[in-house]
């Protein structure tokens, strides 16, 4: 059974737009949607969400990107 999973993504570089976020995370699973907030978090960094089609794909992306800084 497939289940949609949303991941919270912090520290998104200013040069990256939603299509870039989709492409980056799409290498690790089937992305359904991406969203980058217009406002910044309380530390002044960009954040957003990536929705995956399955828990397995989301977990694979977490293993790849958790703790990685691209700023």
PDB file of N, CA and C in Angstrom:
ATOM      1  N   UNK A   1       0.834  -1.184   0.000  1.00  0.00           N
ATOM      2  CA  UNK A   1       0.000   0.000   0.000  1.00  0.00           C
ATOM      3  C   UNK A   1       0.879   1.247   0.000  1.00  0.00           C
ATOM      4  N   UNK A   2       0.624   2.127  -0.900  1.00  0.00           N
ATOM      5  CA  UNK A   2       1.376   3.364  -1.045  1.00  0.00           C
ATOM      6  C   UNK A   2       0.831   4.418  -0.084  1.00  0.00           C
ATOM      7  N   UNK A   3       1.731   5.235   0.427  1.00  0.00           N
ATOM      8  CA  UNK A   3       1.347   6.250   1.396  1.00  0.00           C
ATOM      9  C   UNK A   3       2.156   7.507   1.128  1.00  0.00           C
ATOM     10  N   UNK A   4       1.500   8.661   1.033  1.00  0.00           N
ATOM     11  CA  UNK A   4       2.191   9.919   0.782  1.00  0.00           C
ATOM     12  C   UNK A   4       2.890  10.373   2.059  1.00  0.00           C
ATOM     13  N   UNK A   5       4.167  10.693   1.940  1.00  0.00           N
ATOM     14  CA  UNK A   5       4.979  11.126   3.077  1.00  0.00           C
ATOM     15  C   UNK A   5       5.569  12.497   2.758  1.00  0.00           C
ATOM     16  N   UNK A   6       5.425  13.442   3.680  1.00  0.00           N
ATOM     17  CA  UNK A   6       6.000  14.784   3.515  1.00  0.00           C
ATOM     18  C   UNK A   6       7.261  14.914   4.355  1.00  0.00           C
ATOM     19  N   UNK A   7       8.310  15.436   3.737  1.00  0.00           N
ATOM     20  CA  UNK A   7       9.557  15.713   4.450  1.00  0.00           C
ATOM     21  C   UNK A   7       9.740  17.215   4.582  1.00  0.00           C
ATOM     22  N   UNK A   8      10.156  17.647   5.745  1.00  0.00           N
ATOM     23  CA  UNK A   8      10.491  19.040   6.000  1.00  0.00           C
ATOM     24  C   UNK A   8      11.957  19.224   5.618  1.00  0.00           C
ATOM     25  N   UNK A   9      12.255  20.236   4.803  1.00  0.00           N
ATOM     26  CA  UNK A   9      13.614  20.483   4.327  1.00  0.00           C
ATOM     27  C   UNK A   9      14.053  21.869   4.795  1.00  0.00           C
ATOM     28  N   UNK A  10      15.186  21.941   5.480  1.00  0.00           N
ATOM     29  CA  UNK A  10      15.722  23.204   5.981  1.00  0.00           C
ATOM     30  C   UNK A  10      16.949  23.619   5.185  1.00  0.00           C
ATOM     31  N   UNK A  11      17.303  24.899   5.312  1.00  0.00           N
ATOM     32  CA  UNK A  11      18.548  25.424   4.762  1.00  0.00           C
ATOM     33  C   UNK A  11      18.618  25.291   3.239  1.00  0.00           C
ATOM     34  N   UNK A  12      17.534  25.619   2.560  1.00  0.00           N
ATOM     35  CA  UNK A  12      17.492  25.547   1.101  1.00  0.00           C
ATOM     36  C   UNK A  12      18.246  26.751   0.537  1.00  0.00           C
ATOM     37  N   UNK A  13      19.222  26.536  -0.345  1.00  0.00           N
ATOM     38  CA  UNK A  13      19.988  27.650  -0.906  1.00  0.00           C
ATOM     39  C   UNK A  13      19.088  28.643  -1.654  1.00  0.00           C
ATOM     40  N   UNK A  14      19.417  29.931  -1.604  1.00  0.00           N
ATOM     41  CA  UNK A  14      18.611  30.955  -2.283  1.00  0.00           C
ATOM     42  C   UNK A  14      18.476  30.724  -3.783  1.00  0.00           C
ATOM     43  N   UNK A  15      19.449  30.093  -4.391  1.00  0.00           N
ATOM     44  CA  UNK A  15      19.430  29.880  -5.840  1.00  0.00           C
ATOM     45  C   UNK A  15      18.529  28.718  -6.271  1.00  0.00           C
ATOM     46  N   UNK A  16      18.066  27.904  -5.319  1.00  0.00           N
ATOM     47  CA  UNK A  16      17.271  26.722  -5.654  1.00  0.00           C
ATOM     48  C   UNK A  16      15.781  27.070  -5.644  1.00  0.00           C
ATOM     49  N   UNK A  17      15.080  26.713  -6.716  1.00  0.00           N
ATOM     50  CA  UNK A  17      13.628  26.914  -6.775  1.00  0.00           C
ATOM     51  C   UNK A  17      12.961  25.548  -6.666  1.00  0.00           C
ATOM     52  N   UNK A  18      11.626  25.535  -6.703  1.00  0.00           N
ATOM     53  CA  UNK A  18      10.899  24.286  -6.461  1.00  0.00           C
ATOM     54  C   UNK A  18      11.251  23.192  -7.455  1.00  0.00           C
ATOM     55  N   UNK A  19      11.531  23.555  -8.711  1.00  0.00           N
ATOM     56  CA  UNK A  19      11.894  22.534  -9.705  1.00  0.00           C
ATOM     57  C   UNK A  19      13.238  21.897  -9.370  1.00  0.00           C
ATOM     58  N   UNK A  20      14.160  22.710  -8.873  1.00  0.00           N
ATOM     59  CA  UNK A  20      15.460  22.188  -8.468  1.00  0.00           C
ATOM     60  C   UNK A  20      15.337  21.262  -7.269  1.00  0.00           C
ATOM     61  N   UNK A  21      14.462  21.628  -6.336  1.00  0.00           N
ATOM     62  CA  UNK A  21      14.212  20.781  -5.166  1.00  0.00           C
ATOM     63  C   UNK A  21      13.617  19.447  -5.623  1.00  0.00           C
ATOM     64  N   UNK A  22      12.679  19.522  -6.571  1.00  0.00           N
ATOM     65  CA  UNK A  22      12.052  18.314  -7.136  1.00  0.00           C
ATOM     66  C   UNK A  22      13.122  17.424  -7.783  1.00  0.00           C
ATOM     67  N   UNK A  23      13.963  18.026  -8.595  1.00  0.00           N
ATOM     68  CA  UNK A  23      15.001  17.266  -9.298  1.00  0.00           C
ATOM     69  C   UNK A  23      15.992  16.633  -8.308  1.00  0.00           C
ATOM     70  N   UNK A  24      16.414  17.409  -7.327  1.00  0.00           N
ATOM     71  CA  UNK A  24      17.392  16.918  -6.349  1.00  0.00           C
ATOM     72  C   UNK A  24      16.856  15.718  -5.577  1.00  0.00           C
ATOM     73  N   UNK A  25      15.637  15.825  -5.078  1.00  0.00           N
ATOM     74  CA  UNK A  25      15.070  14.739  -4.294  1.00  0.00           C
ATOM     75  C   UNK A  25      14.517  13.624  -5.181  1.00  0.00           C
ATOM     76  N   UNK A  26      14.162  13.942  -6.409  1.00  0.00           N
ATOM     77  CA  UNK A  26      13.634  12.951  -7.331  1.00  0.00           C
ATOM     78  C   UNK A  26      14.637  11.879  -7.715  1.00  0.00           C
ATOM     79  N   UNK A  27      15.906  12.125  -7.472  1.00  0.00           N
ATOM     80  CA  UNK A  27      16.937  11.112  -7.730  1.00  0.00           C
ATOM     81  C   UNK A  27      16.826   9.943  -6.753  1.00  0.00           C
ATOM     82  N   UNK A  28      16.080  10.147  -5.671  1.00  0.00           N
ATOM     83  CA  UNK A  28      16.014   9.138  -4.614  1.00  0.00           C
ATOM     84  C   UNK A  28      14.624   8.557  -4.410  1.00  0.00           C
ATOM     85  N   UNK A  29      13.691   8.934  -5.269  1.00  0.00           N
ATOM     86  CA  UNK A  29      12.352   8.380  -5.167  1.00  0.00           C
ATOM     87  C   UNK A  29      11.355   9.189  -5.977  1.00  0.00           C
ATOM     88  N   UNK A  30      10.105   8.730  -5.963  1.00  0.00           N
ATOM     89  CA  UNK A  30       9.047   9.385  -6.729  1.00  0.00           C
ATOM     90  C   UNK A  30       8.472  10.567  -5.948  1.00  0.00           C
ATOM     91  N   UNK A  31       8.819  11.777  -6.390  1.00  0.00           N
ATOM     92  CA  UNK A  31       8.335  12.999  -5.750  1.00  0.00           C
ATOM     93  C   UNK A  31       6.964  13.345  -6.330  1.00  0.00           C
ATOM     94  N   UNK A  32       6.022  13.678  -5.447  1.00  0.00           N
ATOM     95  CA  UNK A  32       4.682  14.076  -5.864  1.00  0.00           C
ATOM     96  C   UNK A  32       4.591  15.591  -5.959  1.00  0.00           C
ATOM     97  N   UNK A  33       5.247  16.285  -5.027  1.00  0.00           N
ATOM     98  CA  UNK A  33       5.108  17.733  -4.951  1.00  0.00           C
ATOM     99  C   UNK A  33       6.265  18.322  -4.152  1.00  0.00           C
ATOM    100  N   UNK A  34       6.610  19.574  -4.445  1.00  0.00           N
ATOM    101  CA  UNK A  34       7.581  20.316  -3.636  1.00  0.00           C
ATOM    102  C   UNK A  34       7.016  21.697  -3.361  1.00  0.00           C
ATOM    103  N   UNK A  35       7.436  22.264  -2.247  1.00  0.00           N
ATOM    104  CA  UNK A  35       6.990  23.600  -1.858  1.00  0.00           C
ATOM    105  C   UNK A  35       8.112  24.279  -1.097  1.00  0.00           C
ATOM    106  N   UNK A  36       8.427  25.527  -1.465  1.00  0.00           N
ATOM    107  CA  UNK A  36       9.398  26.334  -0.731  1.00  0.00           C
ATOM    108  C   UNK A  36       8.647  27.544  -0.188  1.00  0.00           C
ATOM    109  N   UNK A  37       8.720  27.730   1.122  1.00  0.00           N
ATOM    110  CA  UNK A  37       8.021  28.848   1.765  1.00  0.00           C
ATOM    111  C   UNK A  37       8.626  30.173   1.331  1.00  0.00           C
ATOM    112  N   UNK A  38       7.785  31.192   1.273  1.00  0.00           N
ATOM    113  CA  UNK A  38       8.273  32.534   0.930  1.00  0.00           C
ATOM    114  C   UNK A  38       8.989  33.179   2.102  1.00  0.00           C
ATOM    115  N   UNK A  39       8.551  32.849   3.307  1.00  0.00           N
ATOM    116  CA  UNK A  39       9.192  33.428   4.488  1.00  0.00           C
ATOM    117  C   UNK A  39      10.384  32.570   4.908  1.00  0.00           C
ATOM    118  N   UNK A  40      11.229  33.113   5.753  1.00  0.00           N
ATOM    119  CA  UNK A  40      12.398  32.409   6.263  1.00  0.00           C
ATOM    120  C   UNK A  40      12.103  31.861   7.652  1.00  0.00           C
ATOM    121  N   UNK A  41      12.879  30.870   8.063  1.00  0.00           N
ATOM    122  CA  UNK A  41      12.706  30.368   9.424  1.00  0.00           C
ATOM    123  C   UNK A  41      13.316  31.361  10.413  1.00  0.00           C
ATOM    124  N   UNK A  42      13.268  31.056  11.699  1.00  0.00           N
ATOM    125  CA  UNK A  42      13.735  32.022  12.699  1.00  0.00           C
ATOM    126  C   UNK A  42      15.242  32.236  12.688  1.00  0.00           C
ATOM    127  N   UNK A  43      15.982  31.397  11.974  1.00  0.00           N
ATOM    128  CA  UNK A  43      17.428  31.614  11.837  1.00  0.00           C
ATOM    129  C   UNK A  43      17.773  32.304  10.519  1.00  0.00           C
ATOM    130  N   UNK A  44      16.746  32.675   9.734  1.00  0.00           N
ATOM    131  CA  UNK A  44      16.970  33.373   8.477  1.00  0.00           C
ATOM    132  C   UNK A  44      17.231  32.481   7.281  1.00  0.00           C
ATOM    133  N   UNK A  45      16.950  31.190   7.418  1.00  0.00           N
ATOM    134  CA  UNK A  45      17.185  30.237   6.326  1.00  0.00           C
ATOM    135  C   UNK A  45      15.869  29.880   5.633  1.00  0.00           C
ATOM    136  N   UNK A  46      15.975  29.474   4.373  1.00  0.00           N
ATOM    137  CA  UNK A  46      14.802  29.030   3.603  1.00  0.00           C
ATOM    138  C   UNK A  46      14.452  27.595   3.985  1.00  0.00           C
ATOM    139  N   UNK A  47      13.160  27.280   3.903  1.00  0.00           N
ATOM    140  CA  UNK A  47      12.700  25.929   4.202  1.00  0.00           C
ATOM    141  C   UNK A  47      11.551  25.567   3.270  1.00  0.00           C
ATOM    142  N   UNK A  48      11.234  24.291   3.236  1.00  0.00           N
ATOM    143  CA  UNK A  48      10.144  23.837   2.393  1.00  0.00           C
ATOM    144  C   UNK A  48       9.780  22.398   2.695  1.00  0.00           C
ATOM    145  N   UNK A  49       9.017  21.808   1.782  1.00  0.00           N
ATOM    146  CA  UNK A  49       8.541  20.440   1.956  1.00  0.00           C
ATOM    147  C   UNK A  49       8.654  19.685   0.639  1.00  0.00           C
ATOM    148  N   UNK A  50       8.939  18.392   0.753  1.00  0.00           N
ATOM    149  CA  UNK A  50       8.959  17.496  -0.400  1.00  0.00           C
ATOM    150  C   UNK A  50       8.032  16.340  -0.064  1.00  0.00           C
ATOM    151  N   UNK A  51       7.083  16.057  -0.939  1.00  0.00           N
ATOM    152  CA  UNK A  51       6.155  14.940  -0.727  1.00  0.00           C
ATOM    153  C   UNK A  51       6.536  13.777  -1.632  1.00  0.00           C
ATOM    154  N   UNK A  52       6.656  12.611  -1.018  1.00  0.00           N
ATOM    155  CA  UNK A  52       7.008  11.386  -1.733  1.00  0.00           C
ATOM    156  C   UNK A  52       5.811  10.459  -1.824  1.00  0.00           C
ATOM    157  N   UNK A  53       5.834   9.602  -2.828  1.00  0.00           N
ATOM    158  CA  UNK A  53       4.769   8.638  -3.062  1.00  0.00           C
ATOM    159  C   UNK A  53       4.819   7.461  -2.095  1.00  0.00           C
ATOM    160  N   UNK A  54       5.961   7.232  -1.464  1.00  0.00           N
ATOM    161  CA  UNK A  54       6.054   6.092  -0.549  1.00  0.00           C
ATOM    162  C   UNK A  54       7.017   6.389   0.600  1.00  0.00           C
ATOM    163  N   UNK A  55       6.797   5.675   1.678  1.00  0.00           N
ATOM    164  CA  UNK A  55       7.653   5.799   2.857  1.00  0.00           C
ATOM    165  C   UNK A  55       9.087   5.365   2.528  1.00  0.00           C
ATOM    166  N   UNK A  56       9.216   4.342   1.739  1.00  0.00           N
ATOM    167  CA  UNK A  56      10.542   3.827   1.354  1.00  0.00           C
ATOM    168  C   UNK A  56      11.348   4.907   0.625  1.00  0.00           C
ATOM    169  N   UNK A  57      10.721   5.604  -0.316  1.00  0.00           N
ATOM    170  CA  UNK A  57      11.405   6.671  -1.053  1.00  0.00           C
ATOM    171  C   UNK A  57      11.806   7.806  -0.112  1.00  0.00           C
ATOM    172  N   UNK A  58      10.905   8.162   0.801  1.00  0.00           N
ATOM    173  CA  UNK A  58      11.197   9.230   1.760  1.00  0.00           C
ATOM    174  C   UNK A  58      12.367   8.844   2.665  1.00  0.00           C
ATOM    175  N   UNK A  59      12.378   7.615   3.135  1.00  0.00           N
ATOM    176  CA  UNK A  59      13.467   7.153   4.006  1.00  0.00           C
ATOM    177  C   UNK A  59      14.800   7.143   3.267  1.00  0.00           C
ATOM    178  N   UNK A  60      14.783   6.788   1.997  1.00  0.00           N
ATOM    179  CA  UNK A  60      16.009   6.799   1.194  1.00  0.00           C
ATOM    180  C   UNK A  60      16.548   8.227   1.069  1.00  0.00           C
ATOM    181  N   UNK A  61      15.661   9.184   0.850  1.00  0.00           N
ATOM    182  CA  UNK A  61      16.068  10.594   0.752  1.00  0.00           C
ATOM    183  C   UNK A  61      16.597  11.100   2.088  1.00  0.00           C
ATOM    184  N   UNK A  62      15.963  10.703   3.176  1.00  0.00           N
ATOM    185  CA  UNK A  62      16.436  11.113   4.502  1.00  0.00           C
ATOM    186  C   UNK A  62      17.848  10.601   4.734  1.00  0.00           C
ATOM    187  N   UNK A  63      18.096   9.347   4.397  1.00  0.00           N
ATOM    188  CA  UNK A  63      19.441   8.782   4.568  1.00  0.00           C
ATOM    189  C   UNK A  63      20.474   9.563   3.767  1.00  0.00           C
ATOM    190  N   UNK A  64      20.102  10.012   2.576  1.00  0.00           N
ATOM    191  CA  UNK A  64      21.032  10.732   1.711  1.00  0.00           C
ATOM    192  C   UNK A  64      21.280  12.164   2.199  1.00  0.00           C
ATOM    193  N   UNK A  65      20.215  12.874   2.579  1.00  0.00           N
ATOM    194  CA  UNK A  65      20.335  14.311   2.814  1.00  0.00           C
ATOM    195  C   UNK A  65      20.342  14.732   4.280  1.00  0.00           C
ATOM    196  N   UNK A  66      19.991  13.869   5.212  1.00  0.00           N
ATOM    197  CA  UNK A  66      19.904  14.282   6.606  1.00  0.00           C
ATOM    198  C   UNK A  66      21.239  14.811   7.114  1.00  0.00           C
ATOM    199  N   UNK A  67      21.226  16.064   7.558  1.00  0.00           N
ATOM    200  CA  UNK A  67      22.436  16.694   8.090  1.00  0.00           C
ATOM    201  C   UNK A  67      23.334  17.311   7.041  1.00  0.00           C
ATOM    202  N   UNK A  68      23.013  17.144   5.765  1.00  0.00           N
ATOM    203  CA  UNK A  68      23.840  17.715   4.697  1.00  0.00           C
ATOM    204  C   UNK A  68      23.562  19.202   4.571  1.00  0.00           C
ATOM    205  N   UNK A  69      24.614  19.979   4.465  1.00  0.00           N
ATOM    206  CA  UNK A  69      24.477  21.425   4.305  1.00  0.00           C
ATOM    207  C   UNK A  69      24.994  21.827   2.938  1.00  0.00           C
ATOM    208  N   UNK A  70      24.186  22.590   2.196  1.00  0.00           N
ATOM    209  CA  UNK A  70      24.585  23.019   0.859  1.00  0.00           C
ATOM    210  C   UNK A  70      24.747  24.532   0.785  1.00  0.00           C
ATOM    211  N   UNK A  71      24.656  25.207   1.910  1.00  0.00           N
ATOM    212  CA  UNK A  71      24.755  26.674   1.902  1.00  0.00           C
ATOM    213  C   UNK A  71      26.191  27.136   1.899  1.00  0.00           C
TER     214      UNK A  71
END
